[in-house]
Protein backbone atom coordinates (compact mmCIF):
# COMPACT_ATOMS: atom_id res chain seq x y z
CA TYR A 1 -0.09 0.16 -0.26
CA CYS A 2 1.23 3.48 -0.75
CA GLY A 3 -0.81 6.73 0.48
CA THR A 4 0.17 10.21 0.75
CA LEU A 5 0.82 12.03 3.73
CA PRO A 6 -0.86 13.30 6.10
CA GLN A 7 -4.10 11.91 4.84
CA SER A 8 -3.01 8.33 3.62
CA THR A 9 -4.84 9.18 0.48
CA GLU A 10 -4.38 5.60 -1.14
CA VAL A 11 -1.74 6.05 -4.10
CA TRP A 12 -1.43 2.37 -5.45
CA ARG A 13 -2.12 -0.90 -4.00
CA LEU A 14 -0.04 -4.25 -4.75
CA GLN A 15 -0.82 -7.84 -3.43
CA LEU A 16 1.63 -9.99 -2.84
CA PRO A 17 1.47 -14.21 -3.26
CA ASP A 18 1.52 -14.41 0.35
CA ARG A 19 2.03 -12.93 4.21
CA ILE A 20 4.32 -9.90 5.04
CA GLU A 21 6.34 -9.61 8.33
CA SER A 22 8.92 -7.00 7.31
CA SER A 23 8.93 -3.48 7.00
CA PRO A 24 9.48 -2.24 3.50
CA CYS A 25 13.16 -0.90 2.45
CA PHE A 26 13.28 2.42 0.74
CA SER A 27 16.35 3.00 -1.66
CA SER A 28 16.78 4.95 -5.03
CA ASP A 29 12.75 5.56 -5.56
CA LEU A 30 12.34 1.42 -4.89
CA ILE A 31 10.84 -0.60 -2.43
CA TYR A 32 12.13 -3.80 -1.17
CA VAL A 33 10.30 -5.91 0.83
CA GLY A 34 10.32 -9.81 1.52
CA CYS A 35 7.97 -12.36 1.48
CA TYR A 36 6.55 -15.61 2.97
CA ASP A 37 6.88 -16.94 -0.50
CA GLY A 38 10.39 -16.99 -0.23
CA LYS A 39 11.07 -13.63 -2.32
CA ILE A 40 11.86 -10.22 -2.00
CA TYR A 41 10.15 -8.08 -3.78
CA ILE A 42 11.60 -5.25 -5.64
CA ILE A 43 8.89 -2.45 -6.50
CA LYS A 44 8.69 0.83 -8.13
CA SER A 45 7.80 3.32 -5.49
CA GLU A 46 5.81 5.93 -7.79
CA SER A 47 3.29 3.35 -9.38
CA GLY A 48 3.58 -0.16 -7.58
CA GLU A 49 4.69 -1.39 -10.74
CA LEU A 50 6.58 -4.88 -9.43
CA LEU A 51 9.82 -4.59 -11.39
CA HIS A 52 11.35 -8.04 -10.06
CA SER A 53 11.63 -10.55 -7.22
CA VAL A 54 14.96 -12.47 -5.80
CA GLN A 55 13.63 -16.16 -4.84
CA THR A 56 15.34 -17.18 -1.63
CA GLY A 57 15.33 -20.67 -0.36
CA ASP A 58 12.59 -19.81 2.27
CA GLN A 59 10.20 -17.42 4.04
CA VAL A 60 11.56 -13.58 4.20
CA LYS A 61 10.91 -12.22 7.60
CA CYS A 62 13.60 -9.90 7.53
CA THR A 63 13.26 -6.47 6.90
CA PRO A 64 15.66 -5.24 4.14
CA VAL A 65 18.32 -2.67 4.57
CA ALA A 66 20.08 -0.41 2.32
CA ASN A 67 23.87 1.12 2.41
CA SER A 68 24.58 4.41 0.61
CA ASP A 69 25.53 2.80 -2.75
CA GLY A 70 22.08 1.78 -2.81
CA GLU A 71 23.00 -1.90 -2.02
CA VAL A 72 20.03 -3.98 -0.32
CA PHE A 73 20.88 -6.87 2.23
CA CYS A 74 18.35 -9.13 3.77
CA GLY A 75 18.26 -12.27 5.50
CA SER A 76 15.92 -15.24 4.57
CA HIS A 77 14.83 -18.35 6.69
CA ASP A 78 17.24 -20.42 4.39
CA GLY A 79 20.35 -19.04 6.81
CA LYS A 80 21.57 -16.55 4.02
CA LEU A 81 22.27 -13.28 3.69
CA TYR A 82 21.14 -11.57 0.17
CA LYS A 83 22.68 -8.50 -1.30
CA ILE A 84 20.92 -7.28 -3.94
CA LYS A 85 22.26 -4.25 -6.63
CA GLN A 86 20.59 -2.08 -8.87
CA TYR A 87 22.28 -1.46 -12.01
CA ASN A 88 21.76 1.74 -14.61
CA ARG A 89 18.64 0.64 -16.23
CA LYS A 90 20.41 1.34 -19.62
CA THR A 91 23.57 -0.89 -18.92
CA THR A 92 23.16 -4.85 -19.30
CA SER A 93 26.49 -5.97 -19.73
CA HIS A 94 27.57 -6.47 -16.20
CA CYS A 95 28.20 -10.46 -15.01
CA ASN A 96 26.13 -12.41 -13.19
CA VAL A 97 22.76 -10.01 -14.33
CA VAL A 98 19.78 -11.98 -13.16
CA SER A 99 17.23 -9.84 -14.94
CA LYS A 100 17.62 -6.76 -17.13
CA TYR A 101 18.22 -4.11 -14.17
CA PHE A 102 19.15 -6.22 -11.13
CA ASP A 103 21.52 -8.63 -9.68
CA TYR A 104 22.02 -10.76 -6.63
CA LYS A 105 24.34 -12.95 -4.75
CA SER A 106 23.60 -15.04 -1.55
CA PHE A 107 26.23 -15.78 1.17
CA VAL A 108 25.45 -18.69 3.70
CA ILE A 109 25.99 -17.04 6.99
CA CYS A 110 24.57 -19.86 9.16
CA VAL A 111 22.65 -22.87 9.30
CA LYS A 112 19.59 -20.98 10.83
CA PRO A 113 17.08 -18.72 9.88
CA ILE A 114 17.84 -14.45 9.91
CA VAL A 115 15.10 -12.70 10.90
CA ALA A 116 16.54 -9.53 12.29
CA SER A 117 17.47 -6.75 10.17
CA PRO A 118 20.73 -6.55 9.25
CA LEU A 119 22.85 -3.50 10.61
CA ILE A 120 24.53 -1.24 8.27
CA LEU A 121 28.01 0.19 9.70
CA LYS A 122 30.40 2.08 7.68
CA ASN A 123 32.38 -0.65 5.48
CA SER A 124 30.44 -3.67 7.44
CA ILE A 125 27.07 -5.28 7.96
CA VAL A 126 26.13 -7.08 11.05
CA VAL A 127 24.17 -10.01 11.10
CA CYS A 128 22.05 -11.76 13.83
CA SER A 129 20.37 -15.24 13.47
CA LEU A 130 18.49 -17.83 15.61
CA LEU A 131 21.20 -19.63 16.13
CA GLY A 132 22.24 -17.22 18.23
CA ALA A 133 25.17 -16.20 16.21
CA ILE A 134 26.28 -12.35 15.48
CA SER A 135 28.44 -12.08 12.20
CA ILE A 136 30.07 -9.14 10.77
CA LEU A 137 30.88 -8.87 7.25
CA ASN A 138 32.77 -6.80 4.85
CA GLN A 139 30.21 -5.07 2.71
CA SER A 140 31.99 -5.41 -0.37
CA ASP A 141 32.31 -9.31 -0.51
CA CYS A 142 30.47 -10.46 2.56
CA ARG A 143 33.62 -12.16 3.73
CA ILE A 144 32.89 -13.02 7.51
CA ILE A 145 35.30 -10.57 9.63
CA ALA A 146 34.06 -11.62 13.15
CA SER A 147 31.48 -13.71 14.84
CA ARG A 148 30.22 -14.47 17.94
CA LYS A 149 27.85 -17.35 19.46
CA LEU A 150 25.43 -16.45 21.93
CA GLU A 151 23.46 -18.92 24.09
CA ASN A 152 19.99 -17.91 22.71
CA PRO A 153 18.43 -17.51 19.33
CA ILE A 154 18.25 -13.78 18.64
CA PHE A 155 15.15 -12.11 16.91
CA SER A 156 15.67 -8.64 17.41
CA SER A 157 17.72 -6.61 15.20
CA PRO A 158 21.17 -5.21 16.52
CA VAL A 159 22.27 -1.62 17.06
CA CYS A 160 25.27 0.39 17.67
CA SER A 161 26.74 3.77 19.30
CA ASP A 162 26.78 6.73 17.46
CA ASP A 163 30.40 6.32 17.23
CA GLN A 164 30.27 2.43 16.03
CA LYS A 165 32.19 1.52 18.89
CA TYR A 166 29.75 -0.70 20.72
CA LEU A 167 27.18 -3.32 19.23
CA PHE A 168 24.05 -4.15 21.04
CA VAL A 169 21.78 -7.09 20.62
CA ALA A 170 18.87 -8.15 22.32
């Protein structure tokens, strides 16, 4: 659903095939949202036109997040982190292009679902899982820089202090 502010007059509405438990992510005039059907949908924000979807291996309850370069990261119940990049719409010559405009790669983070939204830091990304794992990855290649295992599953999204010196996970 897209509505105007402050009245919330409907602009467009798009029905996806299954339940949505994640919040939408807005990046570069596009909306990214995860769905129980195992897909991350990419929607044109002005019109509601469905541009593309990325098939994951299981349900997507995680809210996607975007970095300053417009790359979007989203976890799935399959234990993978998906990195989605939009290319210039006139360019189709990039390697690994899944559709005309988007490329994505998945990175196995753990064997348990990722339901918490990742945290974007300056050069890294923090991902938490139901395994109780906290993984800190390099943003560019999603290589694991550091990890720690807690005793209990992590359902909440991580946050950090303003100076990015401390990481907090509930």
